[in-house]
Protein backbone atom coordinates (compact mmCIF):
# COMPACT_ATOMS: atom_id res chain seq x y z
CA MET A 1 -93.64 -4.23 65.26
CA ILE A 2 -98.07 -3.83 65.47
CA ALA A 3 -98.79 -7.39 63.42
CA GLY A 4 -102.16 -5.86 62.71
CA SER A 5 -105.31 -8.24 62.01
CA VAL A 6 -106.78 -9.68 58.39
CA CYS A 7 -110.02 -12.02 57.89
CA VAL A 8 -109.99 -13.14 54.57
CA ILE A 9 -113.07 -14.35 52.78
CA GLY A 10 -112.73 -16.19 49.27
CA SER A 11 -111.57 -19.53 48.04
CA ILE A 12 -110.02 -22.18 49.48
CA ASN A 13 -108.58 -25.02 46.37
CA MET A 14 -106.30 -27.96 45.06
CA ASP A 15 -104.24 -26.71 42.07
CA LEU A 16 -103.83 -29.47 39.91
CA VAL A 17 -100.99 -27.80 37.70
CA VAL A 18 -99.09 -29.06 34.28
CA ARG A 19 -95.89 -27.44 32.66
CA THR A 20 -95.85 -27.18 29.09
CA PRO A 21 -92.70 -25.91 26.57
CA ARG A 22 -95.75 -23.90 25.73
CA LEU A 23 -99.46 -22.64 26.36
CA PRO A 24 -101.71 -24.56 23.90
CA ALA A 25 -103.77 -22.08 21.07
CA ALA A 26 -108.02 -22.63 20.97
CA GLY A 27 -108.73 -26.61 19.83
CA GLU A 28 -104.66 -27.81 19.99
CA THR A 29 -103.47 -30.39 22.46
CA VAL A 30 -99.95 -29.71 23.20
CA LEU A 31 -97.43 -33.02 25.64
CA GLY A 32 -96.55 -30.94 28.89
CA GLY A 33 -95.24 -32.31 31.99
CA PRO A 34 -94.67 -33.02 34.69
CA PHE A 35 -97.28 -33.15 36.67
CA GLN A 36 -97.62 -31.67 40.41
CA THR A 37 -100.58 -30.90 43.34
CA PHE A 38 -100.09 -27.23 45.11
CA PRO A 39 -102.79 -26.14 47.74
CA GLY A 40 -104.21 -22.97 46.64
CA GLY A 41 -107.03 -21.08 45.70
CA LYS A 42 -106.92 -17.43 45.57
CA GLY A 43 -108.69 -17.08 49.67
CA ALA A 44 -106.21 -19.84 51.04
CA ASN A 45 -103.10 -18.39 48.59
CA GLN A 46 -103.73 -14.70 50.23
CA ALA A 47 -104.55 -15.61 53.75
CA VAL A 48 -100.99 -17.54 53.49
CA ALA A 49 -99.43 -14.31 52.18
CA ALA A 50 -100.52 -12.63 54.95
CA ALA A 51 -99.68 -14.38 57.21
CA ARG A 52 -95.97 -15.43 56.08
CA MET A 53 -95.89 -11.58 56.62
CA GLY A 54 -96.85 -11.02 59.62
CA ALA A 55 -100.23 -10.68 60.08
CA VAL A 56 -102.22 -12.29 62.79
CA THR A 57 -104.39 -14.29 59.44
CA THR A 58 -108.73 -15.82 59.36
CA MET A 59 -109.36 -17.87 56.91
CA VAL A 60 -113.60 -18.20 56.03
CA GLY A 61 -114.22 -20.30 53.28
CA CYS A 62 -115.91 -23.53 52.86
CA VAL A 63 -113.87 -27.16 51.43
CA GLY A 64 -115.84 -30.48 50.52
CA ASP A 65 -115.24 -33.15 53.23
CA ASP A 66 -112.86 -34.61 50.88
CA PRO A 67 -109.50 -35.30 51.33
CA TYR A 68 -108.58 -32.28 49.36
CA GLY A 69 -110.57 -30.86 51.80
CA TRP A 70 -108.60 -32.19 54.74
CA GLN A 71 -105.05 -31.06 53.09
CA MET A 72 -106.28 -28.21 52.62
CA ARG A 73 -107.48 -27.50 56.24
CA HIS A 74 -104.33 -28.75 57.69
CA THR A 75 -101.96 -26.44 55.42
CA LEU A 76 -103.72 -23.55 56.31
CA ALA A 77 -104.00 -24.20 60.44
CA ASN A 78 -99.61 -24.97 59.56
CA GLU A 79 -99.44 -21.18 58.82
CA ASP A 80 -101.16 -20.39 61.87
CA ILE A 81 -104.26 -19.49 60.42
CA ASP A 82 -107.12 -19.84 62.71
CA VAL A 83 -109.12 -22.26 60.38
CA SER A 84 -112.21 -22.29 62.99
CA CYS A 85 -114.38 -20.21 60.32
CA ILE A 86 -113.81 -22.85 57.28
CA SER A 87 -116.84 -25.29 57.40
CA ASP A 88 -117.12 -28.80 55.57
CA HIS A 89 -119.81 -29.52 53.06
CA GLU A 90 -120.78 -33.12 52.60
CA ASP A 91 -122.37 -32.66 49.38
CA ALA A 92 -119.76 -30.51 47.70
CA ALA A 93 -116.24 -31.75 46.51
CA THR A 94 -113.25 -29.34 47.68
CA GLY A 95 -112.83 -26.48 44.09
CA VAL A 96 -109.71 -27.28 42.60
CA ALA A 97 -108.16 -25.24 39.58
CA LEU A 98 -106.38 -26.92 36.28
CA ILE A 99 -103.71 -24.77 35.91
CA THR A 100 -101.10 -24.99 32.68
CA VAL A 101 -97.80 -23.22 32.89
CA ASP A 102 -95.64 -21.95 30.34
CA ASP A 103 -92.22 -23.57 31.01
CA ARG A 104 -90.22 -20.72 28.83
CA THR A 105 -92.18 -17.86 30.64
CA GLY A 106 -93.64 -18.39 33.21
CA GLU A 107 -97.22 -17.50 32.46
CA ASN A 108 -100.19 -19.41 32.94
CA THR A 109 -103.95 -19.98 31.84
CA ILE A 110 -106.56 -21.07 34.54
CA VAL A 111 -109.05 -22.75 34.80
CA VAL A 112 -111.45 -22.81 38.39
CA ALA A 113 -113.90 -25.50 39.26
CA GLY A 114 -115.58 -23.73 42.30
CA GLU A 115 -117.84 -26.13 43.68
CA ALA A 116 -117.78 -26.06 47.45
CA ASN A 117 -116.48 -22.32 47.62
CA LEU A 118 -119.84 -21.92 45.61
CA THR A 119 -121.95 -23.40 48.89
CA LEU A 120 -120.27 -19.94 50.83
CA THR A 121 -123.62 -17.63 51.31
CA PRO A 122 -124.20 -15.11 53.07
CA ASP A 123 -126.04 -16.13 56.37
CA ARG A 124 -122.58 -18.66 56.68
CA VAL A 125 -120.89 -15.76 56.56
CA SER A 126 -122.81 -13.28 59.70
CA LEU A 127 -121.64 -16.31 61.34
CA ALA A 128 -118.12 -15.30 61.21
CA ARG A 129 -118.94 -11.74 61.89
CA SER A 130 -116.81 -11.80 65.00
CA ALA A 131 -113.92 -12.49 62.81
CA ILE A 132 -114.66 -9.13 60.55
CA ASP A 133 -115.41 -7.11 63.34
CA ALA A 134 -111.85 -8.13 65.29
CA ALA A 135 -110.06 -7.84 62.09
CA ASP A 136 -107.80 -4.48 60.70
CA VAL A 137 -108.55 -5.14 57.42
CA LEU A 138 -111.00 -7.90 55.59
CA LEU A 139 -109.91 -9.36 52.52
CA MET A 140 -111.77 -10.72 49.69
CA GLN A 141 -111.61 -12.28 45.96
CA LEU A 142 -114.35 -13.08 43.27
CA GLU A 143 -114.01 -16.64 43.50
CA ILE A 144 -116.46 -16.99 45.73
CA PRO A 145 -120.48 -15.85 45.22
CA THR A 146 -120.97 -11.99 44.85
CA ASP A 147 -123.45 -11.81 47.00
CA VAL A 148 -121.53 -12.95 49.88
CA VAL A 149 -118.47 -10.45 49.29
CA ALA A 150 -121.60 -8.16 49.12
CA ARG A 151 -122.91 -9.49 52.59
CA ALA A 152 -119.30 -9.53 54.21
CA ALA A 153 -118.52 -5.99 52.90
CA SER A 154 -121.48 -4.53 54.96
CA LEU A 155 -120.22 -6.08 57.92
CA ALA A 156 -116.89 -4.91 57.69
CA ARG A 157 -118.68 -1.29 57.17
CA GLU A 158 -120.51 -1.60 60.64
CA PHE A 159 -117.15 -2.38 61.86
CA ASP A 160 -114.78 0.08 60.99
CA THR A 161 -112.97 -2.53 59.03
CA ILE A 162 -110.86 -1.93 56.19
CA VAL A 163 -112.26 -3.49 52.92
CA ILE A 164 -110.30 -4.66 50.40
CA LEU A 165 -111.56 -6.92 47.31
CA ASN A 166 -109.19 -7.78 44.43
CA ALA A 167 -112.03 -7.93 42.03
CA ALA A 168 -110.40 -11.48 40.25
CA PRO A 169 -111.54 -13.34 38.22
CA ALA A 170 -112.90 -10.44 35.76
CA ALA A 171 -116.46 -9.96 37.16
CA ALA A 172 -119.00 -7.40 37.04
CA LEU A 173 -119.86 -5.80 40.64
CA PRO A 174 -122.90 -3.90 41.43
CA ALA A 175 -122.40 0.06 42.24
CA SER A 176 -124.02 -1.16 45.79
CA LEU A 177 -120.70 -3.32 46.87
CA LEU A 178 -118.01 -0.88 44.88
CA SER A 179 -119.15 2.02 46.72
CA GLN A 180 -117.76 0.06 49.95
CA LEU A 181 -114.82 -0.77 49.12
CA ASP A 182 -111.94 0.76 50.64
CA CYS A 183 -109.51 -0.72 47.91
CA LEU A 184 -109.84 -2.10 45.21
CA ILE A 185 -107.03 -4.30 43.22
CA VAL A 186 -107.47 -5.04 40.14
CA ASN A 187 -105.12 -6.42 36.60
CA ARG A 188 -105.82 -4.49 33.48
CA GLY A 189 -108.26 -6.47 31.80
CA GLU A 190 -110.53 -6.55 34.96
CA ALA A 191 -109.74 -2.70 35.25
CA ALA A 192 -111.45 -2.10 31.84
CA LEU A 193 -114.27 -4.47 32.50
CA LEU A 194 -115.50 -2.96 35.77
CA ALA A 195 -115.05 0.66 34.03
CA GLY A 196 -116.49 -0.42 30.94
CA ARG A 197 -113.83 0.90 29.08
CA SER A 198 -110.90 -0.68 26.89
CA SER A 199 -107.83 -2.55 28.20
CA ASP A 200 -105.84 -0.33 25.85
CA ASP A 201 -106.87 2.76 28.31
CA GLU A 202 -104.28 4.44 29.82
CA PRO A 203 -104.14 3.06 33.67
CA GLY A 204 -104.29 6.25 34.87
CA ALA A 205 -107.63 6.34 33.16
CA LEU A 206 -109.03 3.31 34.43
CA ALA A 207 -108.16 4.18 37.78
CA SER A 208 -109.67 7.36 37.96
CA ALA A 209 -113.18 5.65 36.56
CA LEU A 210 -113.19 3.01 38.89
CA ALA A 211 -112.16 5.56 41.68
CA ALA A 212 -114.81 7.27 40.98
CA THR A 213 -117.43 4.09 41.66
CA GLY A 214 -116.32 4.40 45.85
CA PRO A 215 -112.73 3.11 46.39
CA SER A 216 -110.46 5.44 47.72
CA THR A 217 -107.61 3.31 47.03
CA VAL A 218 -106.81 1.86 43.48
CA ILE A 219 -104.76 -0.04 42.49
CA ILE A 220 -104.49 -1.67 39.06
CA THR A 221 -101.27 -4.63 38.57
CA LEU A 222 -99.30 -4.36 35.27
CA GLY A 223 -97.24 -7.40 35.94
CA SER A 224 -93.56 -6.99 34.61
CA HIS A 225 -94.57 -2.94 33.91
CA GLY A 226 -95.82 -2.59 37.30
CA ALA A 227 -98.57 -1.38 39.24
CA TYR A 228 -100.09 2.62 38.52
CA LEU A 229 -101.32 3.48 42.77
CA HIS A 230 -105.05 5.63 42.91
CA THR A 231 -105.64 7.63 45.98
CA PRO A 232 -107.10 11.35 46.60
CA ASP A 233 -103.47 12.29 47.33
CA ASP A 234 -101.32 10.36 45.09
CA ALA A 235 -101.72 8.68 41.25
CA SER A 236 -98.16 7.60 39.89
CA LEU A 237 -96.85 4.29 38.44
CA LEU A 238 -94.57 2.25 40.43
CA PRO A 239 -91.96 0.01 38.71
CA ALA A 240 -92.12 -3.27 39.08
CA PHE A 241 -88.91 -5.32 40.70
CA ALA A 242 -86.55 -7.16 38.43
CA VAL A 243 -86.70 -11.07 38.77
CA GLU A 244 -85.71 -14.03 36.67
CA ALA A 245 -90.35 -15.27 36.42
CA VAL A 246 -90.40 -19.20 36.45
CA ASP A 247 -94.04 -19.38 37.63
CA ALA A 248 -96.69 -16.64 37.29
CA VAL A 249 -99.33 -18.37 39.24
CA GLY A 250 -99.68 -16.76 43.16
CA ALA A 251 -97.92 -13.41 42.44
CA GLY A 252 -101.34 -11.33 42.05
CA ASP A 253 -102.18 -13.05 45.94
CA ALA A 254 -99.05 -12.53 46.75
CA PHE A 255 -99.31 -8.58 46.07
CA ALA A 256 -103.13 -8.59 47.87
CA GLY A 257 -101.84 -10.35 50.39
CA ALA A 258 -98.51 -8.94 51.82
CA PHE A 259 -100.86 -5.51 50.79
CA ALA A 260 -103.44 -6.04 53.05
CA ALA A 261 -101.11 -7.22 56.07
CA ALA A 262 -99.13 -4.00 55.26
CA ILE A 263 -101.94 -1.85 55.53
CA ALA A 264 -103.41 -4.20 58.72
CA ARG A 265 -100.51 -2.97 60.69
CA GLY A 266 -100.37 1.05 59.71
CA GLU A 267 -97.79 1.24 56.69
CA ALA A 268 -98.68 3.29 54.46
CA VAL A 269 -100.67 3.14 51.14
CA ARG A 270 -97.81 3.90 49.00
CA ASN A 271 -95.30 1.51 51.09
CA ALA A 272 -97.51 -0.70 51.16
CA CYS A 273 -98.48 -1.13 47.43
CA THR A 274 -94.09 -1.32 47.28
CA ILE A 275 -94.01 -3.99 49.81
CA ALA A 276 -96.72 -6.08 47.75
CA SER A 277 -94.99 -5.65 44.46
CA ALA A 278 -91.90 -6.94 46.03
CA ALA A 279 -93.72 -9.87 46.94
CA GLY A 280 -95.46 -10.09 44.11
CA ALA A 281 -91.71 -10.53 42.36
CA LEU A 282 -90.65 -12.94 44.37
CA ALA A 283 -92.98 -15.44 44.30
CA ALA A 284 -92.97 -15.19 41.09
CA THR A 285 -89.53 -17.02 40.99
CA HIS A 286 -91.05 -20.03 42.81
CA ARG A 287 -93.15 -23.02 41.37
CA GLY A 288 -96.53 -22.91 43.19
CA ALA A 289 -98.79 -20.68 44.59
CA ILE A 290 -98.45 -21.81 48.47
CA PRO A 291 -95.48 -23.01 48.22
CA SER A 292 -93.77 -19.35 46.33
CA LEU A 293 -95.72 -16.99 48.45
CA PRO A 294 -92.23 -15.07 50.63
CA THR A 295 -91.92 -14.55 54.75
CA ALA A 296 -91.75 -11.09 55.74
CA GLU A 297 -87.84 -11.60 56.64
CA GLU A 298 -87.38 -12.75 52.81
CA VAL A 299 -89.36 -9.06 51.73
CA ALA A 300 -87.65 -6.96 53.69
CA THR A 301 -84.17 -9.40 52.56
CA PHE A 302 -85.21 -8.50 48.92
CA LEU A 303 -86.40 -4.64 49.65
CA ALA A 304 -83.07 -4.01 51.66
CA ALA A 305 -81.08 -4.85 48.18
CA SER A 306 -83.17 -2.88 46.21
CA ASP A 307 -83.39 0.32 48.03
CA ARG A 308 -87.02 1.14 46.37
CA ILE A 309 -89.25 1.75 49.43
CA SER A 310 -90.58 5.13 50.14
CA THR A 311 -90.51 7.25 53.11
C-alpha cells in the first residue's frame, strides 16, 4: 500500500481533563473527578491520527520551552512524526486545553489557552515550505492564527499539495482563504457560521453554500447522525457507525486525520469519508484524545466487520 504523506500545521496542547456526572450550567459548580492529563491539541491529535493510519507525517507548530512542550515533542516523535518543524518559544507557555467530560454521555466542553500556538507566524510557516512541498496533503485547523493558515494554503497551492481545512473551532474566514481550499471539514455549527446561515438548516443546504465559496469537497460531521458529503459528483448522508461512546474528545480529530491520510494514499473521497467516520467512531470508545486514536489495522478490522465501505 502506498502510504502517502501529510503535513499538519496546527496547535500542540496539553489536555487537562476532568470527568463530571454532568456538564455544568452557566454559573454552576459541579463536583467532578478524576483529573487526568493527556497530550492533545487539534494539530497534534490530527497528526497522530494520520500517522497511525499509515501516512508519512510532519508536524509544524510551536510549543513553550517547558515540561509540557518537551512532553508533547517526545509524544509526537514516538509516533514516528517528523518534529523538526516544531519550534520552541522561550517566552510563551505550551498551550493547554481545559476539558470537562460528561461521564454519562461522553459529551464535552473545551476551553483552549493557545499560548505558544498563537506565536506561530506566516514567516515561521514559510520556513517549513519544503515540508509542505513534499506532502501529498496539507491539513490545518483554527487553533492557530488565521494568517498562518492562509499563508500555508497559499504555499500549498504553489506546490499542488491538496489543502484540507478542519475549520474548528468556529471562526469567520476570509473569502481569499476559502477559495484556496480543496476540502473543508466542519461540524454543523461551524458550517452555519461560515455560511452565514442557521444551524437549523439542512446539511445539504449548508454544504452547498460552503461549496460555493471555493472548496470542491465539503464534509459536515453530524456526530451520531453521520456525516454529509458534498462534492461535484456526490451529495449524500453517510450514516454513523453505532458504537458505545465514552468520550467524544478527539473523535473529530480522528476523522480529519484519517481522512487526510486516506486522501494522501489515493482513496476516493467517499471511501476516505467512510474510513474517517470509522476512525472517529472508534476514537469515541476510548478516553483521552491521542490515546483514543485508532491504528489503520483497527479501522480495517472495524470496517470489515461493518461491511460498509463503498467500492
